[in-house]
Amino acid sequence: MIAKLKGLLDETGTDWAVIDVQGVGYLVHCSAKTLAALGEKGEGCTVYTDLQVSENDMRLLGFADAAERDWFRLLTQVQGVGSKVGLAILSALSPGELRDACGCGDAAMVARAQGVGPKLAGRIVNELKDKAGALPGGGIAGVSGLAVTPAGNASADAVSALENLGFKTVIATQAVARAIGELGEGASEGELIRVALKRAAG
């Protein structure tokens, strides 16, 4: 299977690009974010790819990085999410935003994507919330696939503090994720603990 292409950007459209690899043009379907990241026509670029084969079609999907590709693969495992909807979601949300939306159960954020209604957004969030931390986007895989932030930063310390107060890992992690959503990535450990305690207790 083709996993990555490295070549020159030959041509682009609304949701596709042609990558010239040593004289061979590969048509890859892309999200809007990936298209924006590819650069100008004639410039060198790299795309991570996923090949989808069906009875009537075979298409190559291209992504700016491996994180986006991994999220695409996860999204298309959800019933009702094909390649077109998967790319629409990744056009509207970055991998980090998607991870946070699934981790916090924010279906409204996912529903911002074109072609994604409230019902489908709810299904995506419900099915992926326990898998969100296992994929890139800001967190790393933790116990039972839960999102755990890298040790040594404010969010990881805040999770640890809540665990020391008797909260289970899953509750502490979700509470800190909500606190980060409210306060932003630059919040201090003390601020995160204060808000997370309210969320965990609620």
Protein backbone atom coordinates (compact mmCIF):
# COMPACT_ATOMS: atom_id res chain seq x y z
CA MET A 1 0.00 0.00 0.00
CA ILE A 2 1.15 3.56 -0.70
CA ALA A 3 1.85 5.15 2.69
CA LYS A 4 3.53 8.43 1.72
CA LEU A 5 4.26 10.53 -1.36
CA LYS A 6 7.12 13.01 -1.70
CA GLY A 7 7.33 15.08 -4.84
CA LEU A 8 6.24 18.32 -6.50
CA LEU A 9 2.79 19.89 -6.25
CA ASP A 10 1.58 19.72 -9.84
CA GLU A 11 -2.05 20.84 -9.64
CA THR A 12 -4.84 21.41 -7.08
CA GLY A 13 -8.64 21.55 -7.04
CA THR A 14 -11.32 22.16 -4.44
CA ASP A 15 -10.65 18.88 -2.64
CA TRP A 16 -7.77 17.24 -4.48
CA ALA A 17 -4.17 17.65 -5.53
CA VAL A 18 -1.85 16.01 -8.04
CA ILE A 19 1.59 15.16 -6.67
CA ASP A 20 4.31 14.58 -9.27
CA VAL A 21 6.67 11.87 -8.03
CA GLN A 22 9.50 11.44 -10.56
CA GLY A 23 7.21 12.02 -13.50
CA VAL A 24 4.21 10.04 -12.20
CA GLY A 25 1.21 12.14 -11.15
CA TYR A 26 -0.74 10.83 -8.17
CA LEU A 27 -4.26 12.20 -7.65
CA VAL A 28 -4.93 12.51 -3.93
CA HIS A 29 -8.14 13.70 -2.29
CA CYS A 30 -7.40 16.07 0.59
CA SER A 31 -8.98 18.10 3.36
CA ALA A 32 -8.94 21.89 3.07
CA LYS A 33 -6.29 22.08 5.81
CA THR A 34 -3.98 19.70 3.93
CA LEU A 35 -4.43 21.61 0.65
CA ALA A 36 -3.50 24.83 2.42
CA ALA A 37 -0.38 23.19 3.87
CA LEU A 38 0.92 21.85 0.55
CA GLY A 39 2.28 25.19 -0.63
CA GLU A 40 2.43 26.63 -4.14
CA LYS A 41 2.35 24.83 -7.47
CA GLY A 42 5.79 23.52 -8.40
CA GLU A 43 7.03 23.38 -4.81
CA GLY A 44 8.16 20.23 -3.06
CA CYS A 45 5.67 18.61 -0.70
CA THR A 46 5.02 15.44 1.26
CA VAL A 47 1.65 13.83 1.93
CA TYR A 48 0.80 10.84 4.07
CA THR A 49 -1.70 8.65 2.28
CA ASP A 50 -4.46 6.11 2.75
CA LEU A 51 -5.72 3.95 -0.11
CA GLN A 52 -9.43 3.16 -0.11
CA VAL A 53 -10.75 0.44 -2.40
CA SER A 54 -14.41 -0.39 -3.06
CA GLU A 55 -16.27 -2.38 -5.74
CA ASN A 56 -16.60 0.64 -8.01
CA ASP A 57 -13.80 2.95 -6.96
CA MET A 58 -10.22 3.20 -5.81
CA ARG A 59 -8.98 6.47 -4.40
CA LEU A 60 -5.92 7.80 -2.66
CA LEU A 61 -6.46 10.15 0.28
CA GLY A 62 -3.69 12.59 1.19
CA PHE A 63 -2.91 14.20 4.55
CA ALA A 64 -0.48 16.85 5.74
CA ASP A 65 0.74 14.68 8.60
CA ALA A 66 0.35 11.22 10.08
CA ALA A 67 -1.92 12.52 12.86
CA GLU A 68 -4.54 13.69 10.36
CA ARG A 69 -4.35 10.37 8.51
CA ASP A 70 -4.79 8.39 11.74
CA TRP A 71 -7.86 10.44 12.65
CA PHE A 72 -9.30 9.92 9.17
CA ARG A 73 -8.95 6.16 9.55
CA LEU A 74 -10.65 6.29 12.93
CA LEU A 75 -13.47 8.53 11.70
CA THR A 76 -14.28 6.30 8.74
CA GLN A 77 -14.79 3.36 11.08
CA VAL A 78 -17.90 5.11 12.39
CA GLN A 79 -21.11 4.12 10.59
CA GLY A 80 -22.23 6.90 8.27
CA VAL A 81 -18.76 8.43 7.87
CA GLY A 82 -17.30 7.84 4.42
CA SER A 83 -14.20 9.40 2.94
CA LYS A 84 -16.06 12.57 1.87
CA VAL A 85 -17.48 13.21 5.35
CA GLY A 86 -14.18 12.28 6.98
CA LEU A 87 -12.35 14.88 4.90
CA ALA A 88 -15.08 17.44 5.63
CA ILE A 89 -14.58 16.94 9.37
CA LEU A 90 -10.80 17.28 9.03
CA SER A 91 -11.34 20.41 6.93
CA ALA A 92 -13.29 21.97 9.80
CA LEU A 93 -11.28 20.67 12.77
CA SER A 94 -7.60 20.05 13.40
CA PRO A 95 -6.60 16.70 14.96
CA GLY A 96 -6.18 18.47 18.31
CA GLU A 97 -9.61 20.08 18.14
CA LEU A 98 -11.17 16.78 17.11
CA ARG A 99 -9.45 14.95 19.97
CA ASP A 100 -10.69 17.55 22.46
CA ALA A 101 -14.23 17.47 21.05
CA CYS A 102 -14.43 13.68 21.34
CA GLY A 103 -12.77 13.62 24.75
CA CYS A 104 -15.17 16.21 26.15
CA GLY A 105 -18.28 14.90 24.37
CA ASP A 106 -18.69 18.13 22.37
CA ALA A 107 -20.86 16.95 19.47
CA ALA A 108 -21.71 20.54 18.52
CA MET A 109 -18.08 21.18 17.57
CA VAL A 110 -18.03 18.13 15.28
CA ALA A 111 -21.35 19.19 13.75
CA ARG A 112 -19.61 22.33 12.43
CA ALA A 113 -18.29 20.19 9.57
CA GLN A 114 -20.20 20.34 6.29
CA GLY A 115 -22.56 17.40 5.88
CA VAL A 116 -22.45 16.37 9.54
CA GLY A 117 -25.78 16.62 11.33
CA PRO A 118 -26.35 16.51 15.10
CA LYS A 119 -27.20 12.79 15.07
CA LEU A 120 -24.05 11.77 13.22
CA ALA A 121 -21.91 14.14 15.29
CA GLY A 122 -23.29 12.54 18.45
CA ARG A 123 -22.49 9.08 17.15
CA ILE A 124 -18.92 10.10 16.27
CA VAL A 125 -18.30 11.58 19.71
CA ASN A 126 -19.84 8.61 21.55
CA GLU A 127 -17.90 6.01 19.57
CA LEU A 128 -14.56 7.81 19.64
CA LYS A 129 -14.48 9.37 23.10
CA ASP A 130 -12.62 6.41 24.62
CA LYS A 131 -10.21 6.25 21.69
CA ALA A 132 -9.45 9.97 21.47
CA GLY A 133 -6.38 9.85 23.68
CA ALA A 134 -4.80 7.02 21.73
CA LEU A 135 -4.19 9.21 18.68
CA PRO A 136 -2.05 12.31 18.12
CA GLY A 137 -3.34 15.81 18.51
CA GLY A 138 -1.80 16.92 21.76
CA GLY A 139 -2.24 13.98 24.11
CA ILE A 140 -0.66 10.55 24.16
CA ALA A 141 -2.05 7.11 24.75
CA GLY A 142 -2.53 6.37 28.42
CA VAL A 143 -4.11 3.72 30.59
CA SER A 144 -7.01 2.04 28.76
CA GLY A 145 -6.47 4.40 25.81
CA LEU A 146 -7.45 7.49 27.81
CA ALA A 147 -5.90 10.84 27.01
CA VAL A 148 -2.99 11.58 29.28
CA THR A 149 -0.89 14.66 28.72
CA PRO A 150 2.90 14.38 28.66
CA ALA A 151 4.52 14.39 32.10
CA GLY A 152 6.13 17.60 33.26
CA ASN A 153 3.57 20.12 32.01
CA ALA A 154 0.78 21.91 33.84
CA SER A 155 -2.03 19.67 32.60
CA ALA A 156 -0.22 16.46 33.55
CA ASP A 157 0.53 17.88 37.00
CA ALA A 158 -3.11 18.91 37.37
CA VAL A 159 -4.28 15.38 36.53
CA SER A 160 -1.82 13.98 39.06
CA ALA A 161 -3.05 16.41 41.72
CA LEU A 162 -6.67 15.33 41.23
CA GLU A 163 -5.64 11.67 41.39
CA ASN A 164 -3.90 12.38 44.69
CA LEU A 165 -7.16 13.83 45.96
CA GLY A 166 -8.88 10.52 45.25
CA PHE A 167 -10.37 11.05 41.79
CA LYS A 168 -10.11 8.19 39.30
CA THR A 169 -7.78 8.72 36.33
CA VAL A 170 -10.60 8.93 33.79
CA ILE A 171 -12.48 11.55 35.85
CA ALA A 172 -9.33 13.56 36.52
CA THR A 173 -8.30 13.50 32.85
CA GLN A 174 -11.71 14.55 31.57
CA ALA A 175 -11.98 17.32 34.16
CA VAL A 176 -8.58 18.75 33.23
CA ALA A 177 -9.47 18.51 29.51
CA ARG A 178 -12.60 20.57 30.18
CA ALA A 179 -10.56 23.06 32.20
CA ILE A 180 -8.10 23.46 29.31
CA GLY A 181 -11.07 24.01 27.00
CA GLU A 182 -12.26 26.85 29.23
CA LEU A 183 -8.93 28.43 30.15
CA GLY A 184 -6.78 27.68 27.10
CA GLU A 185 -3.53 25.78 26.63
CA GLY A 186 -1.48 28.40 28.48
CA ALA A 187 -3.31 28.05 31.81
CA SER A 188 -1.20 27.49 34.91
CA GLU A 189 -1.32 24.32 37.00
CA GLY A 190 -3.13 26.15 39.81
CA GLU A 191 -5.80 27.51 37.47
CA LEU A 192 -6.34 24.10 35.89
CA ILE A 193 -6.67 22.38 39.27
CA ARG A 194 -9.16 24.99 40.50
CA VAL A 195 -11.47 24.67 37.48
CA ALA A 196 -10.95 20.91 37.12
CA LEU A 197 -11.96 20.33 40.73
CA LYS A 198 -15.28 22.03 40.04
CA ARG A 199 -15.82 19.93 36.91
CA ALA A 200 -14.81 16.67 38.61
CA ALA A 201 -17.03 17.33 41.61
CA GLY A 202 -19.94 18.28 39.35
